């Protein structure tokens, strides 16, 4: 989940451990308010992944692990 205080262009991308883009969860103008992006991890190989969110000058990142 993420929340925007005002409308913004949001880009939310998932990368694998080698830096390859594996999914784009959001890419475009997004209205203000609370939002939620989801990813079907069943199609991802086990391993560590990074999520990067950019909205104008803001850049945020998180890491998650897919285990089976």
PDB file of N, CA and C in Angstrom:
ATOM      1  N   UNK A   1       0.829  -1.211   0.000  1.00  0.00           N
ATOM      2  CA  UNK A   1       0.000   0.000   0.000  1.00  0.00           C
ATOM      3  C   UNK A   1       0.866   1.264   0.000  1.00  0.00           C
ATOM      4  N   UNK A   2       0.323   2.324  -0.561  1.00  0.00           N
ATOM      5  CA  UNK A   2       0.979   3.622  -0.523  1.00  0.00           C
ATOM      6  C   UNK A   2      -0.084   4.708  -0.571  1.00  0.00           C
ATOM      7  N   UNK A   3       0.277   5.876  -0.087  1.00  0.00           N
ATOM      8  CA  UNK A   3      -0.664   6.986  -0.028  1.00  0.00           C
ATOM      9  C   UNK A   3      -0.034   8.220  -0.643  1.00  0.00           C
ATOM     10  N   UNK A   4      -0.820   8.937  -1.431  1.00  0.00           N
ATOM     11  CA  UNK A   4      -0.359  10.160  -2.081  1.00  0.00           C
ATOM     12  C   UNK A   4      -1.137  11.353  -1.540  1.00  0.00           C
ATOM     13  N   UNK A   5      -0.443  12.400  -1.100  1.00  0.00           N
ATOM     14  CA  UNK A   5      -1.147  13.585  -0.615  1.00  0.00           C
ATOM     15  C   UNK A   5      -1.762  14.400  -1.752  1.00  0.00           C
ATOM     16  N   UNK A   6      -1.235  14.228  -2.957  1.00  0.00           N
ATOM     17  CA  UNK A   6      -1.753  14.924  -4.140  1.00  0.00           C
ATOM     18  C   UNK A   6      -1.506  14.040  -5.359  1.00  0.00           C
ATOM     19  N   UNK A   7      -2.168  14.355  -6.450  1.00  0.00           N
ATOM     20  CA  UNK A   7      -1.984  13.578  -7.679  1.00  0.00           C
ATOM     21  C   UNK A   7      -0.514  13.624  -8.094  1.00  0.00           C
ATOM     22  N   UNK A   8      -0.031  12.507  -8.609  1.00  0.00           N
ATOM     23  CA  UNK A   8       1.372  12.437  -9.022  1.00  0.00           C
ATOM     24  C   UNK A   8       1.543  11.333 -10.052  1.00  0.00           C
ATOM     25  N   UNK A   9       2.596  11.446 -10.828  1.00  0.00           N
ATOM     26  CA  UNK A   9       2.970  10.360 -11.724  1.00  0.00           C
ATOM     27  C   UNK A   9       3.745   9.348 -10.885  1.00  0.00           C
ATOM     28  N   UNK A  10       3.228   8.133 -10.809  1.00  0.00           N
ATOM     29  CA  UNK A  10       3.820   7.085  -9.981  1.00  0.00           C
ATOM     30  C   UNK A  10       4.382   5.997 -10.884  1.00  0.00           C
ATOM     31  N   UNK A  11       5.582   5.568 -10.570  1.00  0.00           N
ATOM     32  CA  UNK A  11       6.185   4.413 -11.246  1.00  0.00           C
ATOM     33  C   UNK A  11       6.633   3.453 -10.150  1.00  0.00           C
ATOM     34  N   UNK A  12       6.087   2.252 -10.189  1.00  0.00           N
ATOM     35  CA  UNK A  12       6.366   1.231  -9.186  1.00  0.00           C
ATOM     36  C   UNK A  12       6.837  -0.020  -9.933  1.00  0.00           C
ATOM     37  N   UNK A  13       8.120  -0.351  -9.756  1.00  0.00           N
ATOM     38  CA  UNK A  13       8.748  -1.401 -10.557  1.00  0.00           C
ATOM     39  C   UNK A  13       9.428  -2.425  -9.650  1.00  0.00           C
ATOM     40  N   UNK A  14       9.357  -3.696 -10.046  1.00  0.00           N
ATOM     41  CA  UNK A  14      10.011  -4.787  -9.325  1.00  0.00           C
ATOM     42  C   UNK A  14      11.219  -5.245 -10.143  1.00  0.00           C
ATOM     43  N   UNK A  15      12.357  -5.408  -9.439  1.00  0.00           N
ATOM     44  CA  UNK A  15      13.600  -5.865 -10.069  1.00  0.00           C
ATOM     45  C   UNK A  15      14.081  -7.128  -9.368  1.00  0.00           C
ATOM     46  N   UNK A  16      14.740  -7.999 -10.128  1.00  0.00           N
ATOM     47  CA  UNK A  16      15.337  -9.174  -9.498  1.00  0.00           C
ATOM     48  C   UNK A  16      16.698  -8.800  -8.915  1.00  0.00           C
ATOM     49  N   UNK A  17      17.387  -9.775  -8.314  1.00  0.00           N
ATOM     50  CA  UNK A  17      18.669  -9.513  -7.646  1.00  0.00           C
ATOM     51  C   UNK A  17      19.761  -9.058  -8.614  1.00  0.00           C
ATOM     52  N   UNK A  18      19.581  -9.333  -9.903  1.00  0.00           N
ATOM     53  CA  UNK A  18      20.561  -8.905 -10.907  1.00  0.00           C
ATOM     54  C   UNK A  18      20.225  -7.540 -11.506  1.00  0.00           C
ATOM     55  N   UNK A  19      19.137  -6.928 -11.020  1.00  0.00           N
ATOM     56  CA  UNK A  19      18.752  -5.609 -11.502  1.00  0.00           C
ATOM     57  C   UNK A  19      17.872  -5.616 -12.735  1.00  0.00           C
ATOM     58  N   UNK A  20      17.397  -6.801 -13.127  1.00  0.00           N
ATOM     59  CA  UNK A  20      16.512  -6.889 -14.288  1.00  0.00           C
ATOM     60  C   UNK A  20      15.077  -6.575 -13.878  1.00  0.00           C
ATOM     61  N   UNK A  21      14.399  -5.772 -14.668  1.00  0.00           N
ATOM     62  CA  UNK A  21      13.007  -5.428 -14.404  1.00  0.00           C
ATOM     63  C   UNK A  21      12.140  -6.665 -14.650  1.00  0.00           C
ATOM     64  N   UNK A  22      11.343  -7.054 -13.661  1.00  0.00           N
ATOM     65  CA  UNK A  22      10.491  -8.232 -13.812  1.00  0.00           C
ATOM     66  C   UNK A  22       9.000  -7.895 -13.795  1.00  0.00           C
ATOM     67  N   UNK A  23       8.635  -6.713 -13.313  1.00  0.00           N
ATOM     68  CA  UNK A  23       7.224  -6.317 -13.298  1.00  0.00           C
ATOM     69  C   UNK A  23       7.100  -4.813 -13.122  1.00  0.00           C
ATOM     70  N   UNK A  24       6.077  -4.244 -13.755  1.00  0.00           N
ATOM     71  CA  UNK A  24       5.704  -2.846 -13.550  1.00  0.00           C
ATOM     72  C   UNK A  24       4.319  -2.861 -12.922  1.00  0.00           C
ATOM     73  N   UNK A  25       4.226  -2.380 -11.683  1.00  0.00           N
ATOM     74  CA  UNK A  25       2.965  -2.422 -10.945  1.00  0.00           C
ATOM     75  C   UNK A  25       2.160  -1.140 -11.087  1.00  0.00           C
ATOM     76  N   UNK A  26       2.820  -0.044 -11.393  1.00  0.00           N
ATOM     77  CA  UNK A  26       2.142   1.235 -11.623  1.00  0.00           C
ATOM     78  C   UNK A  26       3.039   2.083 -12.503  1.00  0.00           C
ATOM     79  N   UNK A  27       2.418   2.818 -13.420  1.00  0.00           N
ATOM     80  CA  UNK A  27       3.191   3.686 -14.298  1.00  0.00           C
ATOM     81  C   UNK A  27       2.265   4.718 -14.921  1.00  0.00           C
ATOM     82  N   UNK A  28       2.079   5.814 -14.216  1.00  0.00           N
ATOM     83  CA  UNK A  28       1.220   6.853 -14.765  1.00  0.00           C
ATOM     84  C   UNK A  28       0.649   7.757 -13.699  1.00  0.00           C
ATOM     85  N   UNK A  29      -0.180   8.677 -14.162  1.00  0.00           N
ATOM     86  CA  UNK A  29      -0.831   9.649 -13.277  1.00  0.00           C
ATOM     87  C   UNK A  29      -1.750   8.905 -12.311  1.00  0.00           C
ATOM     88  N   UNK A  30      -1.610   9.214 -11.027  1.00  0.00           N
ATOM     89  CA  UNK A  30      -2.381   8.555  -9.980  1.00  0.00           C
ATOM     90  C   UNK A  30      -3.018   9.625  -9.097  1.00  0.00           C
ATOM     91  N   UNK A  31      -4.312   9.511  -8.802  1.00  0.00           N
ATOM     92  CA  UNK A  31      -4.979  10.514  -7.982  1.00  0.00           C
ATOM     93  C   UNK A  31      -4.518  10.446  -6.522  1.00  0.00           C
ATOM     94  N   UNK A  32      -4.784  11.503  -5.765  1.00  0.00           N
ATOM     95  CA  UNK A  32      -4.418  11.469  -4.345  1.00  0.00           C
ATOM     96  C   UNK A  32      -5.224  10.404  -3.606  1.00  0.00           C
ATOM     97  N   UNK A  33      -4.668   9.973  -2.458  1.00  0.00           N
ATOM     98  CA  UNK A  33      -5.361   8.999  -1.632  1.00  0.00           C
ATOM     99  C   UNK A  33      -4.553   7.742  -1.437  1.00  0.00           C
ATOM    100  N   UNK A  34      -5.202   6.757  -0.847  1.00  0.00           N
ATOM    101  CA  UNK A  34      -4.561   5.480  -0.537  1.00  0.00           C
ATOM    102  C   UNK A  34      -4.702   4.532  -1.730  1.00  0.00           C
ATOM    103  N   UNK A  35      -3.607   3.859  -2.058  1.00  0.00           N
ATOM    104  CA  UNK A  35      -3.584   2.929  -3.189  1.00  0.00           C
ATOM    105  C   UNK A  35      -2.888   1.646  -2.758  1.00  0.00           C
ATOM    106  N   UNK A  36      -3.115   0.591  -3.512  1.00  0.00           N
ATOM    107  CA  UNK A  36      -2.472  -0.682  -3.217  1.00  0.00           C
ATOM    108  C   UNK A  36      -2.085  -1.347  -4.527  1.00  0.00           C
ATOM    109  N   UNK A  37      -0.861  -1.801  -4.592  1.00  0.00           N
ATOM    110  CA  UNK A  37      -0.378  -2.539  -5.762  1.00  0.00           C
ATOM    111  C   UNK A  37      -0.186  -3.985  -5.354  1.00  0.00           C
ATOM    112  N   UNK A  38      -0.473  -4.894  -6.267  1.00  0.00           N
ATOM    113  CA  UNK A  38      -0.283  -6.306  -5.941  1.00  0.00           C
ATOM    114  C   UNK A  38       0.555  -6.979  -7.021  1.00  0.00           C
ATOM    115  N   UNK A  39       1.199  -8.041  -6.616  1.00  0.00           N
ATOM    116  CA  UNK A  39       2.085  -8.792  -7.501  1.00  0.00           C
ATOM    117  C   UNK A  39       1.814 -10.273  -7.294  1.00  0.00           C
ATOM    118  N   UNK A  40       1.627 -11.013  -8.374  1.00  0.00           N
ATOM    119  CA  UNK A  40       1.456 -12.460  -8.295  1.00  0.00           C
ATOM    120  C   UNK A  40       2.843 -13.089  -8.223  1.00  0.00           C
ATOM    121  N   UNK A  41       3.308 -13.354  -7.015  1.00  0.00           N
ATOM    122  CA  UNK A  41       4.665 -13.887  -6.815  1.00  0.00           C
ATOM    123  C   UNK A  41       4.784 -15.343  -7.264  1.00  0.00           C
ATOM    124  N   UNK A  42       3.688 -16.000  -7.585  1.00  0.00           N
ATOM    125  CA  UNK A  42       3.744 -17.389  -8.034  1.00  0.00           C
ATOM    126  C   UNK A  42       4.533 -17.525  -9.334  1.00  0.00           C
ATOM    127  N   UNK A  43       4.581 -16.472 -10.118  1.00  0.00           N
ATOM    128  CA  UNK A  43       5.304 -16.545 -11.391  1.00  0.00           C
ATOM    129  C   UNK A  43       6.777 -16.139 -11.266  1.00  0.00           C
ATOM    130  N   UNK A  44       7.202 -15.783 -10.060  1.00  0.00           N
ATOM    131  CA  UNK A  44       8.591 -15.397  -9.834  1.00  0.00           C
ATOM    132  C   UNK A  44       9.397 -16.571  -9.294  1.00  0.00           C
ATOM    133  N   UNK A  45      10.645 -16.645  -9.715  1.00  0.00           N
ATOM    134  CA  UNK A  45      11.546 -17.667  -9.187  1.00  0.00           C
ATOM    135  C   UNK A  45      11.891 -17.323  -7.739  1.00  0.00           C
ATOM    136  N   UNK A  46      12.198 -18.311  -6.925  1.00  0.00           N
ATOM    137  CA  UNK A  46      12.638 -18.017  -5.554  1.00  0.00           C
ATOM    138  C   UNK A  46      13.864 -17.107  -5.580  1.00  0.00           C
ATOM    139  N   UNK A  47      13.907 -16.165  -4.662  1.00  0.00           N
ATOM    140  CA  UNK A  47      15.044 -15.258  -4.589  1.00  0.00           C
ATOM    141  C   UNK A  47      14.661 -13.927  -3.977  1.00  0.00           C
ATOM    142  N   UNK A  48      15.600 -12.995  -4.024  1.00  0.00           N
ATOM    143  CA  UNK A  48      15.420 -11.655  -3.465  1.00  0.00           C
ATOM    144  C   UNK A  48      15.038 -10.697  -4.593  1.00  0.00           C
ATOM    145  N   UNK A  49      14.065  -9.841  -4.313  1.00  0.00           N
ATOM    146  CA  UNK A  49      13.575  -8.859  -5.282  1.00  0.00           C
ATOM    147  C   UNK A  49      13.551  -7.488  -4.631  1.00  0.00           C
ATOM    148  N   UNK A  50      13.621  -6.462  -5.457  1.00  0.00           N
ATOM    149  CA  UNK A  50      13.599  -5.075  -4.990  1.00  0.00           C
ATOM    150  C   UNK A  50      12.451  -4.354  -5.673  1.00  0.00           C
ATOM    151  N   UNK A  51      11.763  -3.524  -4.908  1.00  0.00           N
ATOM    152  CA  UNK A  51      10.681  -2.702  -5.434  1.00  0.00           C
ATOM    153  C   UNK A  51      11.138  -1.253  -5.345  1.00  0.00           C
ATOM    154  N   UNK A  52      10.975  -0.511  -6.421  1.00  0.00           N
ATOM    155  CA  UNK A  52      11.361   0.902  -6.443  1.00  0.00           C
ATOM    156  C   UNK A  52      10.140   1.721  -6.856  1.00  0.00           C
ATOM    157  N   UNK A  53       9.845   2.732  -6.052  1.00  0.00           N
ATOM    158  CA  UNK A  53       8.718   3.626  -6.332  1.00  0.00           C
ATOM    159  C   UNK A  53       9.252   5.029  -6.526  1.00  0.00           C
ATOM    160  N   UNK A  54       8.865   5.658  -7.633  1.00  0.00           N
ATOM    161  CA  UNK A  54       9.250   7.046  -7.865  1.00  0.00           C
ATOM    162  C   UNK A  54       7.994   7.871  -8.125  1.00  0.00           C
ATOM    163  N   UNK A  55       7.951   9.039  -7.503  1.00  0.00           N
ATOM    164  CA  UNK A  55       6.872  10.002  -7.707  1.00  0.00           C
ATOM    165  C   UNK A  55       7.518  11.376  -7.676  1.00  0.00           C
ATOM    166  N   UNK A  56       7.819  11.921  -8.826  1.00  0.00           N
ATOM    167  CA  UNK A  56       8.487  13.225  -8.866  1.00  0.00           C
ATOM    168  C   UNK A  56       9.856  13.131  -8.224  1.00  0.00           C
ATOM    169  N   UNK A  57      10.085  13.910  -7.163  1.00  0.00           N
ATOM    170  CA  UNK A  57      11.387  13.928  -6.494  1.00  0.00           C
ATOM    171  C   UNK A  57      11.529  12.808  -5.466  1.00  0.00           C
ATOM    172  N   UNK A  58      10.443  12.117  -5.129  1.00  0.00           N
ATOM    173  CA  UNK A  58      10.500  11.052  -4.126  1.00  0.00           C
ATOM    174  C   UNK A  58      10.912   9.735  -4.761  1.00  0.00           C
ATOM    175  N   UNK A  59      11.834   9.042  -4.109  1.00  0.00           N
ATOM    176  CA  UNK A  59      12.211   7.684  -4.508  1.00  0.00           C
ATOM    177  C   UNK A  59      12.216   6.820  -3.256  1.00  0.00           C
ATOM    178  N   UNK A  60      11.470   5.734  -3.302  1.00  0.00           N
ATOM    179  CA  UNK A  60      11.431   4.806  -2.183  1.00  0.00           C
ATOM    180  C   UNK A  60      11.775   3.409  -2.664  1.00  0.00           C
ATOM    181  N   UNK A  61      12.284   2.602  -1.770  1.00  0.00           N
ATOM    182  CA  UNK A  61      12.659   1.238  -2.145  1.00  0.00           C
ATOM    183  C   UNK A  61      12.362   0.281  -1.008  1.00  0.00           C
ATOM    184  N   UNK A  62      12.111  -0.970  -1.381  1.00  0.00           N
ATOM    185  CA  UNK A  62      11.886  -2.039  -0.408  1.00  0.00           C
ATOM    186  C   UNK A  62      12.410  -3.328  -1.009  1.00  0.00           C
ATOM    187  N   UNK A  63      12.598  -4.310  -0.151  1.00  0.00           N
ATOM    188  CA  UNK A  63      13.113  -5.599  -0.604  1.00  0.00           C
ATOM    189  C   UNK A  63      12.176  -6.689  -0.085  1.00  0.00           C
ATOM    190  N   UNK A  64      12.001  -7.733  -0.870  1.00  0.00           N
ATOM    191  CA  UNK A  64      11.227  -8.880  -0.413  1.00  0.00           C
ATOM    192  C   UNK A  64      11.851 -10.156  -0.964  1.00  0.00           C
ATOM    193  N   UNK A  65      11.518 -11.272  -0.336  1.00  0.00           N
ATOM    194  CA  UNK A  65      12.050 -12.566  -0.730  1.00  0.00           C
ATOM    195  C   UNK A  65      10.917 -13.501  -1.115  1.00  0.00           C
ATOM    196  N   UNK A  66      11.093 -14.198  -2.220  1.00  0.00           N
ATOM    197  CA  UNK A  66      10.163 -15.241  -2.627  1.00  0.00           C
ATOM    198  C   UNK A  66      10.803 -16.573  -2.251  1.00  0.00           C
ATOM    199  N   UNK A  67      10.108 -17.351  -1.424  1.00  0.00           N
ATOM    200  CA  UNK A  67      10.597 -18.664  -1.005  1.00  0.00           C
ATOM    201  C   UNK A  67       9.518 -19.702  -1.302  1.00  0.00           C
ATOM    202  N   UNK A  68       9.946 -20.877  -1.610  1.00  0.00           N
ATOM    203  CA  UNK A  68       9.001 -21.968  -1.868  1.00  0.00           C
ATOM    204  C   UNK A  68       9.275 -23.112  -0.939  1.00  0.00           C
TER     205      UNK A  68
END
